[in-house]
Amino acid sequence: MATFNPAHRQTYTPSQIQNYYARIQLPASLRNIAVPEIANTSEGLAFLTSLQQHQLAAVPFENLDLHYSSHHTITLDPQHLFQKIVDRDAGRGGYCMENSCLFGTILRSLGFDVASIGAKVNEAVQPVSAKKNWKGPKYDGWNHMLNIVTIAGKRYVVDVGFGSSGPAHPLPLAQNEISLNVGTQEMRLLYDIVPDFTDRGQKLWQYQYRHDATQPWLPAYAFSELEFTPSDFAMMNYFTSTHFTSWFTYLVVCVKMVLEDGKIVGDITLAGNEVKRRVRGEPVVLAVCGSEEERVDALQEFFGVRLSGAEREGIRGMVTEIL
């Protein structure tokens, strides 16, 4: 019987890895670590944490290709993602499947034991939930991607594509083990029944967060331990990037985490035409864009994203264009 060969998944070359390190501004002292030698140690977990936090601070969660391009499409080919996010040097990132696909390929190339997993996002935590009065918990179809990394026999959820409320460091795959996330925000995983299922015996892992210990828990997404293949994500990506009910198609978004002294302390978020900075729980409006020119300038000023002339023209006539 045929067995799976990890070599069938794409990997990056050593020179690409070094370019990636430069892109995420990883400290020079960490750039020559031999991961296979530490992958099953506490040092490996510390290195994984550094990679995740530096990617979150350098590579934005954004859906700009769906609005600022001539093709308005998303591809998950790892080499294309590397060119877009790393080689192009334009400050670009991607939405969950793009960023997590890139990160998963980096981890696999380094020698980590990694599996990519699909997830179902709760409607109530999506950016348009307030306008649509979505209360939840009601989970969408499979529309999110994360990675599970195994270190010394212990599995960790590693997510670089959920915006400002995602886990900012590896989260142990364990029942109700509460971890401090960013600022006073806490996070946990529960293995529990999902309201949408008619079979009440079926359970999924559920990532939840709360803004501090006095607030209620918010279910963010649900996932199983089943590994998804590139073809699974291709199907998910097509719906998420094209269907009129997917908020990615009618809202421009860009999020970068703020890293200070090697620790995530907040985020900068553009949603629609407004840019906010939230550090240590204090939100500040940085800009309200009244034109496309102002939004393009804001993307460069606050996120380091530089759009070409052709990309800027790509939003003309789109529902998301600021008129």
Protein backbone atom coordinates (compact mmCIF):
# COMPACT_ATOMS: atom_id res chain seq x y z
CA MET A 1 0.00 0.00 0.00
CA ALA A 2 1.33 3.44 -0.95
CA THR A 3 2.36 5.75 1.89
CA PHE A 4 2.57 9.53 1.96
CA ASN A 5 5.97 11.03 1.36
CA PRO A 6 6.42 14.51 2.91
CA ALA A 7 8.67 15.31 -0.05
CA HIS A 8 5.47 15.55 -2.11
CA ARG A 9 4.76 18.87 -0.39
CA GLN A 10 6.64 21.86 -1.74
CA THR A 11 9.56 23.26 0.25
CA TYR A 12 11.79 26.32 0.05
CA THR A 13 15.52 26.38 -0.55
CA PRO A 14 18.06 27.49 2.10
CA SER A 15 18.53 30.80 0.27
CA GLN A 16 14.77 31.36 0.22
CA ILE A 17 14.67 30.68 3.96
CA GLN A 18 17.30 33.37 4.55
CA ASN A 19 15.34 35.81 2.38
CA TYR A 20 12.26 35.02 4.45
CA TYR A 21 14.18 35.68 7.67
CA ALA A 22 15.17 39.08 6.29
CA ARG A 23 11.59 39.80 5.25
CA ILE A 24 10.24 39.17 8.77
CA GLN A 25 13.24 40.93 10.36
CA LEU A 26 14.18 37.89 12.42
CA PRO A 27 17.10 38.74 14.74
CA ALA A 28 20.45 37.82 13.20
CA SER A 29 21.25 35.59 16.18
CA LEU A 30 18.40 33.25 15.18
CA ARG A 31 19.01 33.00 11.44
CA ASN A 32 21.45 30.07 11.44
CA ILE A 33 19.68 27.77 13.89
CA ALA A 34 19.62 24.15 12.71
CA VAL A 35 15.98 23.29 13.35
CA PRO A 36 16.25 19.47 13.03
CA GLU A 37 18.60 19.52 16.02
CA ILE A 38 16.17 21.43 18.26
CA ALA A 39 12.75 20.62 16.74
CA ASN A 40 11.78 18.38 19.66
CA THR A 41 13.07 20.59 22.47
CA SER A 42 11.99 23.69 24.39
CA GLU A 43 14.46 25.59 22.23
CA GLY A 44 12.50 24.50 19.18
CA LEU A 45 9.29 25.84 20.71
CA ALA A 46 10.99 29.15 21.49
CA PHE A 47 12.25 29.42 17.93
CA LEU A 48 8.80 28.60 16.54
CA THR A 49 7.34 31.33 18.75
CA SER A 50 9.86 33.87 17.42
CA LEU A 51 9.06 32.94 13.83
CA GLN A 52 5.33 33.28 14.41
CA GLN A 53 5.53 36.63 16.17
CA HIS A 54 7.92 38.16 13.66
CA GLN A 55 5.75 37.01 10.76
CA LEU A 56 2.64 38.47 12.41
CA ALA A 57 4.41 41.82 12.82
CA ALA A 58 5.94 41.91 9.33
CA VAL A 59 3.47 40.14 7.03
CA PRO A 60 -0.01 41.71 7.04
CA PHE A 61 -3.27 39.81 7.02
CA GLU A 62 -4.84 41.39 3.92
CA ASN A 63 -7.10 40.68 0.97
CA LEU A 64 -5.82 43.38 -1.37
CA ASP A 65 -5.46 41.12 -4.42
CA LEU A 66 -9.24 40.73 -4.48
CA HIS A 67 -9.60 44.48 -4.89
CA TYR A 68 -6.33 46.03 -6.08
CA SER A 69 -5.37 43.85 -9.03
CA SER A 70 -6.39 43.21 -12.61
CA HIS A 71 -7.25 39.55 -11.92
CA HIS A 72 -8.99 39.74 -8.50
CA THR A 73 -7.97 36.18 -7.66
CA ILE A 74 -5.96 34.34 -5.00
CA THR A 75 -3.56 31.47 -5.63
CA LEU A 76 -2.07 29.25 -2.94
CA ASP A 77 0.92 27.99 -4.90
CA PRO A 78 3.81 28.22 -2.38
CA GLN A 79 6.28 29.60 -4.92
CA HIS A 80 3.84 32.29 -6.02
CA LEU A 81 3.23 33.20 -2.37
CA PHE A 82 6.96 33.46 -1.76
CA GLN A 83 7.38 35.80 -4.72
CA LYS A 84 4.43 37.94 -3.65
CA ILE A 85 5.19 38.18 0.07
CA VAL A 86 8.99 37.88 0.22
CA ASP A 87 10.79 38.42 -3.09
CA ARG A 88 8.68 41.30 -4.34
CA ASP A 89 9.63 43.44 -1.33
CA ALA A 90 6.42 45.46 -1.42
CA GLY A 91 5.22 44.86 2.12
CA ARG A 92 2.56 42.44 0.96
CA GLY A 93 0.88 39.62 2.84
CA GLY A 94 -2.32 37.72 2.24
CA TYR A 95 -5.41 36.36 3.89
CA CYS A 96 -5.45 33.30 6.14
CA MET A 97 -4.78 30.59 3.56
CA GLU A 98 -2.00 32.58 1.90
CA ASN A 99 -0.15 33.48 5.11
CA SER A 100 -0.59 30.07 6.70
CA CYS A 101 0.40 28.25 3.51
CA LEU A 102 3.60 30.29 3.32
CA PHE A 103 4.31 29.75 7.02
CA GLY A 104 3.56 26.03 6.88
CA THR A 105 5.90 25.64 3.91
CA ILE A 106 8.62 27.54 5.80
CA LEU A 107 8.20 25.27 8.84
CA ARG A 108 8.24 22.12 6.73
CA SER A 109 11.36 23.34 4.90
CA LEU A 110 13.10 23.96 8.23
CA GLY A 111 12.35 20.46 9.50
CA PHE A 112 9.38 20.99 11.82
CA ASP A 113 6.67 18.32 12.04
CA VAL A 114 3.72 20.30 10.66
CA ALA A 115 0.23 19.52 9.37
CA SER A 116 -2.12 22.05 7.78
CA ILE A 117 -5.69 22.04 9.08
CA GLY A 118 -8.97 23.57 7.92
CA ALA A 119 -11.28 25.49 10.23
CA LYS A 120 -14.81 26.97 10.33
CA VAL A 121 -15.05 30.60 11.46
CA ASN A 122 -17.85 31.79 13.74
CA GLU A 123 -19.94 34.43 11.99
CA ALA A 124 -20.10 36.55 15.16
CA VAL A 125 -16.37 37.41 15.12
CA GLN A 126 -16.16 38.41 11.47
CA PRO A 127 -15.61 42.10 10.60
CA VAL A 128 -19.10 42.59 9.19
CA SER A 129 -20.93 40.82 12.04
CA ALA A 130 -22.15 44.01 13.74
CA LYS A 131 -23.71 45.42 10.58
CA LYS A 132 -25.41 42.11 9.79
CA ASN A 133 -26.44 41.45 13.40
CA TRP A 134 -24.67 38.08 13.48
CA LYS A 135 -24.71 36.80 17.05
CA GLY A 136 -23.47 33.23 16.75
CA PRO A 137 -22.06 30.90 17.53
CA LYS A 138 -22.82 29.82 13.99
CA TYR A 139 -19.89 28.48 12.05
CA ASP A 140 -19.35 29.01 8.33
CA GLY A 141 -18.16 26.24 6.06
CA TRP A 142 -14.46 25.38 5.95
CA ASN A 143 -12.98 28.81 5.27
CA HIS A 144 -9.89 29.16 7.47
CA MET A 145 -6.43 27.57 7.61
CA LEU A 146 -4.02 26.98 10.46
CA ASN A 147 -1.06 24.71 11.17
CA ILE A 148 -0.53 22.15 13.91
CA VAL A 149 3.12 21.66 14.87
CA THR A 150 4.30 18.72 16.97
CA ILE A 151 7.24 19.33 19.32
CA ALA A 152 8.44 16.63 21.72
CA GLY A 153 5.19 14.74 21.27
CA LYS A 154 3.04 17.77 22.13
CA ARG A 155 0.91 19.48 19.50
CA TYR A 156 0.51 23.24 19.15
CA VAL A 157 -1.95 25.33 17.13
CA VAL A 158 0.02 27.90 15.13
CA ASP A 159 -2.07 30.53 13.32
CA VAL A 160 -0.65 33.48 11.37
CA GLY A 161 -3.84 34.37 9.50
CA PHE A 162 -6.66 35.37 11.82
CA GLY A 163 -6.02 39.07 12.20
CA SER A 164 -5.96 40.86 15.54
CA SER A 165 -7.74 38.19 17.62
CA GLY A 166 -5.75 35.18 16.53
CA PRO A 167 -3.23 33.41 18.77
CA ALA A 168 0.03 35.36 18.85
CA HIS A 169 2.10 32.38 19.98
CA PRO A 170 1.83 28.57 19.69
CA LEU A 171 -1.22 27.37 21.63
CA PRO A 172 -1.07 23.86 23.14
CA LEU A 173 -3.72 21.54 21.70
CA ALA A 174 -5.19 20.84 25.13
CA GLN A 175 -8.61 21.11 26.73
CA ASN A 176 -9.33 24.43 28.49
CA GLU A 177 -5.70 25.40 29.03
CA ILE A 178 -5.93 29.20 29.31
CA SER A 179 -3.05 31.24 27.88
CA LEU A 180 -2.38 34.96 27.90
CA ASN A 181 -2.44 36.28 24.34
CA VAL A 182 -1.97 40.01 23.62
CA GLY A 183 -2.25 42.49 26.47
CA THR A 184 -5.04 41.30 28.78
CA GLN A 185 -6.61 39.09 26.13
CA GLU A 186 -6.82 35.40 27.02
CA MET A 187 -7.30 32.37 24.77
CA ARG A 188 -8.13 28.70 25.13
CA LEU A 189 -9.20 25.60 23.23
CA LEU A 190 -12.28 23.54 24.03
CA TYR A 191 -13.15 20.17 22.54
CA ASP A 192 -16.92 20.35 22.47
CA ILE A 193 -20.13 19.96 20.52
CA VAL A 194 -20.66 22.42 17.66
CA PRO A 195 -24.20 23.91 17.59
CA ASP A 196 -24.55 23.41 13.82
CA PHE A 197 -24.19 19.62 14.01
CA THR A 198 -27.31 17.43 14.16
CA ASP A 199 -25.23 14.53 15.45
CA ARG A 200 -24.78 15.63 19.07
CA GLY A 201 -22.02 13.10 19.55
CA GLN A 202 -19.66 14.90 17.18
CA LYS A 203 -17.20 17.39 18.58
CA LEU A 204 -14.61 19.82 17.22
CA TRP A 205 -11.79 21.80 18.77
CA GLN A 206 -12.89 25.41 19.27
CA TYR A 207 -10.53 28.36 19.58
CA GLN A 208 -11.97 30.97 21.93
CA TYR A 209 -10.75 34.31 23.25
CA ARG A 210 -11.85 36.97 25.71
CA HIS A 211 -10.58 40.51 26.14
CA ASP A 212 -9.86 40.02 29.84
CA ALA A 213 -10.72 37.64 32.67
CA THR A 214 -13.99 39.48 33.43
CA GLN A 215 -15.40 39.13 29.90
CA PRO A 216 -17.28 36.22 28.33
CA TRP A 217 -15.48 33.82 26.01
CA LEU A 218 -15.99 34.40 22.26
CA PRO A 219 -15.86 31.29 20.04
CA ALA A 220 -13.71 32.24 17.04
CA TYR A 221 -13.33 29.11 14.95
CA ALA A 222 -13.73 25.33 15.11
CA PHE A 223 -11.46 22.66 13.64
CA SER A 224 -10.74 18.95 13.70
CA GLU A 225 -7.38 17.19 13.78
CA LEU A 226 -7.82 15.98 10.20
CA GLU A 227 -4.99 17.10 7.93
CA PHE A 228 -6.16 18.98 4.84
CA THR A 229 -4.35 18.62 1.52
CA PRO A 230 -3.49 21.37 -0.99
CA SER A 231 -6.49 20.31 -3.11
CA ASP A 232 -8.79 20.78 -0.09
CA PHE A 233 -7.50 24.32 0.39
CA ALA A 234 -7.85 25.02 -3.33
CA MET A 235 -11.58 24.29 -3.04
CA MET A 236 -11.90 26.40 0.12
CA ASN A 237 -9.91 29.24 -1.40
CA TYR A 238 -12.09 29.39 -4.51
CA PHE A 239 -15.30 29.93 -2.55
CA THR A 240 -13.76 32.30 -0.01
CA SER A 241 -12.21 34.52 -2.69
CA THR A 242 -15.08 34.56 -5.21
CA HIS A 243 -18.50 34.04 -3.63
CA PHE A 244 -20.63 37.14 -3.12
CA THR A 245 -21.47 36.08 0.46
CA SER A 246 -17.80 36.00 1.47
CA TRP A 247 -16.95 39.27 3.23
CA PHE A 248 -13.47 39.15 1.70
CA THR A 249 -15.07 40.11 -1.62
CA TYR A 250 -16.79 43.26 -0.37
CA LEU A 251 -14.54 44.66 2.38
CA VAL A 252 -10.93 45.80 2.08
CA VAL A 253 -8.95 44.75 5.13
CA CYS A 254 -5.32 44.91 6.25
CA VAL A 255 -3.99 43.99 9.71
CA LYS A 256 -0.47 43.98 11.14
CA MET A 257 0.50 43.13 14.68
CA VAL A 258 2.72 45.53 16.65
CA LEU A 259 5.93 44.00 18.00
CA GLU A 260 7.85 45.73 20.80
CA ASP A 261 10.91 44.23 22.50
CA GLY A 262 10.18 40.85 20.95
CA LYS A 263 6.57 40.76 22.16
CA ILE A 264 3.25 41.36 20.38
CA VAL A 265 1.53 44.30 22.13
CA GLY A 266 -1.28 45.26 19.75
CA ASP A 267 -2.33 45.75 16.14
CA ILE A 268 -2.94 48.24 13.37
CA THR A 269 -6.09 47.53 11.35
CA LEU A 270 -7.59 48.99 8.18
CA ALA A 271 -11.20 47.99 7.62
CA GLY A 272 -12.93 49.68 4.73
CA ASN A 273 -11.76 53.30 4.90
CA GLU A 274 -10.67 53.57 8.56
CA VAL A 275 -7.31 52.80 10.13
CA LYS A 276 -7.07 52.10 13.88
CA ARG A 277 -4.14 51.33 16.13
CA ARG A 278 -4.77 49.39 19.32
CA VAL A 279 -1.88 48.87 21.72
CA ARG A 280 -2.34 47.60 25.27
CA GLY A 281 -6.09 47.92 24.90
CA GLU A 282 -6.09 51.60 23.88
CA PRO A 283 -7.65 52.19 20.43
CA VAL A 284 -6.67 55.27 18.40
CA VAL A 285 -8.05 56.23 14.98
CA LEU A 286 -5.08 56.97 12.73
CA ALA A 287 -6.91 57.85 9.53
CA VAL A 288 -10.30 58.01 7.86
CA CYS A 289 -9.79 57.77 4.11
CA GLY A 290 -12.02 59.88 1.91
CA SER A 291 -10.60 58.77 -1.42
CA GLU A 292 -8.73 55.91 -3.03
CA GLU A 293 -5.57 57.97 -3.06
CA GLU A 294 -5.80 58.46 0.70
CA ARG A 295 -6.35 54.73 1.31
CA VAL A 296 -3.40 53.76 -0.88
CA ASP A 297 -1.26 56.28 0.99
CA ALA A 298 -2.50 54.87 4.32
CA LEU A 299 -1.57 51.34 3.27
CA GLN A 300 1.98 52.50 2.63
CA GLU A 301 2.30 54.75 5.68
CA PHE A 302 0.85 52.43 8.32
CA PHE A 303 1.45 48.97 6.85
CA GLY A 304 4.39 49.40 4.49
CA VAL A 305 2.29 48.09 1.59
CA ARG A 306 3.30 49.56 -1.75
CA LEU A 307 0.84 49.08 -4.60
CA SER A 308 1.87 49.46 -8.22
CA GLY A 309 0.04 51.77 -10.60
CA ALA A 310 -1.69 48.81 -12.24
CA GLU A 311 -2.81 47.51 -8.86
CA ARG A 312 -4.21 50.88 -7.88
CA GLU A 313 -6.26 50.96 -11.06
CA GLY A 314 -7.60 47.47 -10.39
CA ILE A 315 -10.17 48.69 -7.87
CA ARG A 316 -11.87 51.01 -10.37
CA GLY A 317 -15.51 50.01 -10.72
CA MET A 318 -15.36 47.59 -7.78
CA VAL A 319 -17.97 47.79 -5.02
CA THR A 320 -15.10 48.51 -2.59
CA GLU A 321 -13.82 51.57 -4.44
CA ILE A 322 -13.98 54.77 -2.38
CA LEU A 323 -15.84 57.24 -4.60
